[in-house]
Amino acid sequence: MLQISDAQFSSKVLKSKKLVLVMFSAPWCSVCKPVTKMLESLETDASICKIDIESDPLMAQEYEIKSLPTIVLFKGGEAIDQVSGNVSSDKLLKIINDA
């Protein structure tokens, strides 16, 4: 999983030719830890990125992230799906495969 900043968001997410899952998280988020582990073991061709909303809050504001963790799926530079909370790997794989 690639840790990205607000400054890298455009090049790593919006300009990517692949599907990109972006997990919005924060160090104090207890649910984010198991979701991070699940994402690290997820078998997918999609790129997986993580952004800390405390150190890089701009993209969280831009995409109106209200709860953590929130995972947003991007395709062709557009947010096409979003899930929040302790989501299962099966649900994420379904979202990716349906994209």
C-alpha atoms as a PDB file:
ATOM      1  CA  MET A   1       0.000   0.000   0.000  1.00  0.00           C
ATOM      2  CA  LEU A   2       1.385   3.351  -1.047  1.00  0.00           C
ATOM      3  CA  GLN A   3       1.191   6.217   1.462  1.00  0.00           C
ATOM      4  CA  ILE A   4       0.405   9.391  -0.490  1.00  0.00           C
ATOM      5  CA  SER A   5       0.037  13.091   0.264  1.00  0.00           C
ATOM      6  CA  ASP A   6      -2.347  15.725  -1.042  1.00  0.00           C
ATOM      7  CA  ALA A   7       0.439  16.863  -3.390  1.00  0.00           C
ATOM      8  CA  GLN A   8       0.764  13.360  -4.904  1.00  0.00           C
ATOM      9  CA  PHE A   9      -2.979  12.745  -5.238  1.00  0.00           C
ATOM     10  CA  SER A  10      -3.305  13.957  -8.814  1.00  0.00           C
ATOM     11  CA  SER A  11      -0.362  11.974 -10.187  1.00  0.00           C
ATOM     12  CA  LYS A  12      -0.939   8.773  -8.184  1.00  0.00           C
ATOM     13  CA  VAL A  13      -4.750   8.643  -8.278  1.00  0.00           C
ATOM     14  CA  LEU A  14      -6.407  10.967 -10.780  1.00  0.00           C
ATOM     15  CA  LYS A  15      -3.941  10.342 -13.626  1.00  0.00           C
ATOM     16  CA  SER A  16      -3.616   6.588 -13.058  1.00  0.00           C
ATOM     17  CA  LYS A  17      -4.561   4.277 -15.916  1.00  0.00           C
ATOM     18  CA  LYS A  18      -5.504   1.594 -13.362  1.00  0.00           C
ATOM     19  CA  LEU A  19      -8.333   1.418 -10.845  1.00  0.00           C
ATOM     20  CA  VAL A  20      -7.192   3.011  -7.598  1.00  0.00           C
ATOM     21  CA  LEU A  21      -8.522   2.360  -4.097  1.00  0.00           C
ATOM     22  CA  VAL A  22      -7.789   5.239  -1.735  1.00  0.00           C
ATOM     23  CA  MET A  23      -8.161   4.705   1.983  1.00  0.00           C
ATOM     24  CA  PHE A  24      -8.665   7.908   3.970  1.00  0.00           C
ATOM     25  CA  SER A  25      -7.471   7.338   7.534  1.00  0.00           C
ATOM     26  CA  ALA A  26      -5.888   8.927  10.601  1.00  0.00           C
ATOM     27  CA  PRO A  27      -3.430   7.692  13.239  1.00  0.00           C
ATOM     28  CA  TRP A  28      -6.076   7.838  15.989  1.00  0.00           C
ATOM     29  CA  CYS A  29      -8.614   5.744  14.010  1.00  0.00           C
ATOM     30  CA  SER A  30      -8.826   2.325  15.697  1.00  0.00           C
ATOM     31  CA  VAL A  31     -10.916   0.743  12.905  1.00  0.00           C
ATOM     32  CA  CYS A  32      -8.346   1.880  10.322  1.00  0.00           C
ATOM     33  CA  LYS A  33      -5.712  -0.561  11.598  1.00  0.00           C
ATOM     34  CA  PRO A  34      -7.530  -3.833  10.716  1.00  0.00           C
ATOM     35  CA  VAL A  35      -8.785  -2.338   7.451  1.00  0.00           C
ATOM     36  CA  THR A  36      -5.197  -1.401   6.556  1.00  0.00           C
ATOM     37  CA  LYS A  37      -4.073  -4.996   7.199  1.00  0.00           C
ATOM     38  CA  MET A  38      -6.924  -6.318   5.061  1.00  0.00           C
ATOM     39  CA  LEU A  39      -6.034  -3.950   2.203  1.00  0.00           C
ATOM     40  CA  GLU A  40      -2.378  -4.980   2.391  1.00  0.00           C
ATOM     41  CA  SER A  41      -3.390  -8.606   1.823  1.00  0.00           C
ATOM     42  CA  LEU A  42      -6.048  -7.891  -0.832  1.00  0.00           C
ATOM     43  CA  GLU A  43      -5.329  -9.663  -4.109  1.00  0.00           C
ATOM     44  CA  THR A  44      -6.273  -7.221  -6.854  1.00  0.00           C
ATOM     45  CA  ASP A  45      -4.778  -5.483  -9.866  1.00  0.00           C
ATOM     46  CA  ALA A  46      -6.055  -2.142  -8.572  1.00  0.00           C
ATOM     47  CA  SER A  47      -3.539   0.248  -7.031  1.00  0.00           C
ATOM     48  CA  ILE A  48      -4.063   0.791  -3.310  1.00  0.00           C
ATOM     49  CA  CYS A  49      -3.153   4.083  -1.652  1.00  0.00           C
ATOM     50  CA  LYS A  50      -3.591   5.500   1.823  1.00  0.00           C
ATOM     51  CA  ILE A  51      -3.828   9.148   2.810  1.00  0.00           C
ATOM     52  CA  ASP A  52      -3.619  10.504   6.367  1.00  0.00           C
ATOM     53  CA  ILE A  53      -6.293  13.167   6.733  1.00  0.00           C
ATOM     54  CA  GLU A  54      -4.491  14.815   9.654  1.00  0.00           C
ATOM     55  CA  SER A  55      -1.292  15.590   7.778  1.00  0.00           C
ATOM     56  CA  ASP A  56      -3.001  15.889   4.374  1.00  0.00           C
ATOM     57  CA  PRO A  57      -6.596  17.116   4.854  1.00  0.00           C
ATOM     58  CA  LEU A  58      -7.283  18.718   1.456  1.00  0.00           C
ATOM     59  CA  MET A  59      -8.404  15.635  -0.473  1.00  0.00           C
ATOM     60  CA  ALA A  60     -10.594  14.502   2.426  1.00  0.00           C
ATOM     61  CA  GLN A  61     -12.307  17.889   2.281  1.00  0.00           C
ATOM     62  CA  GLU A  62     -12.539  17.747  -1.522  1.00  0.00           C
ATOM     63  CA  TYR A  63     -14.268  14.340  -1.433  1.00  0.00           C
ATOM     64  CA  GLU A  64     -16.329  15.205   1.668  1.00  0.00           C
ATOM     65  CA  ILE A  65     -14.995  12.369   3.797  1.00  0.00           C
ATOM     66  CA  LYS A  66     -17.160  12.299   6.932  1.00  0.00           C
ATOM     67  CA  SER A  67     -16.072   9.072   8.680  1.00  0.00           C
ATOM     68  CA  LEU A  68     -12.988   6.899   8.932  1.00  0.00           C
ATOM     69  CA  PRO A  69     -11.898   4.756   7.399  1.00  0.00           C
ATOM     70  CA  THR A  70     -13.430   5.630   4.050  1.00  0.00           C
ATOM     71  CA  ILE A  71     -12.286   3.854   0.908  1.00  0.00           C
ATOM     72  CA  VAL A  72     -12.961   5.516  -2.430  1.00  0.00           C
ATOM     73  CA  LEU A  73     -12.578   3.719  -5.766  1.00  0.00           C
ATOM     74  CA  PHE A  74     -11.291   5.863  -8.635  1.00  0.00           C
ATOM     75  CA  LYS A  75     -11.483   5.009 -12.323  1.00  0.00           C
ATOM     76  CA  GLY A  76     -10.226   7.350 -15.029  1.00  0.00           C
ATOM     77  CA  GLY A  77      -9.726  10.133 -12.504  1.00  0.00           C
ATOM     78  CA  GLU A  78     -13.298   9.973 -11.184  1.00  0.00           C
ATOM     79  CA  ALA A  79     -14.569   8.695  -7.836  1.00  0.00           C
ATOM     80  CA  ILE A  80     -16.992   5.916  -8.798  1.00  0.00           C
ATOM     81  CA  ASP A  81     -17.744   4.187  -5.488  1.00  0.00           C
ATOM     82  CA  GLN A  82     -17.198   4.673  -1.777  1.00  0.00           C
ATOM     83  CA  VAL A  83     -17.510   2.612   1.411  1.00  0.00           C
ATOM     84  CA  SER A  84     -16.902   3.530   5.047  1.00  0.00           C
ATOM     85  CA  GLY A  85     -16.172   1.606   8.203  1.00  0.00           C
ATOM     86  CA  ASN A  86     -14.924  -1.920   8.755  1.00  0.00           C
ATOM     87  CA  VAL A  87     -15.549  -3.227   5.237  1.00  0.00           C
ATOM     88  CA  SER A  88     -14.827  -6.845   4.244  1.00  0.00           C
ATOM     89  CA  SER A  89     -12.401  -7.908   1.536  1.00  0.00           C
ATOM     90  CA  ASP A  90     -15.269  -9.647  -0.285  1.00  0.00           C
ATOM     91  CA  LYS A  91     -17.227  -6.393  -0.473  1.00  0.00           C
ATOM     92  CA  LEU A  92     -14.193  -4.475  -1.763  1.00  0.00           C
ATOM     93  CA  LEU A  93     -13.442  -7.123  -4.384  1.00  0.00           C
ATOM     94  CA  LYS A  94     -17.081  -6.960  -5.565  1.00  0.00           C
ATOM     95  CA  ILE A  95     -16.846  -3.173  -5.887  1.00  0.00           C
ATOM     96  CA  ILE A  96     -13.584  -3.502  -7.857  1.00  0.00           C
ATOM     97  CA  ASN A  97     -14.915  -6.253 -10.112  1.00  0.00           C
ATOM     98  CA  ASP A  98     -18.139  -4.317 -10.817  1.00  0.00           C
ATOM     99  CA  ALA A  99     -16.168  -1.211 -11.890  1.00  0.00           C
END
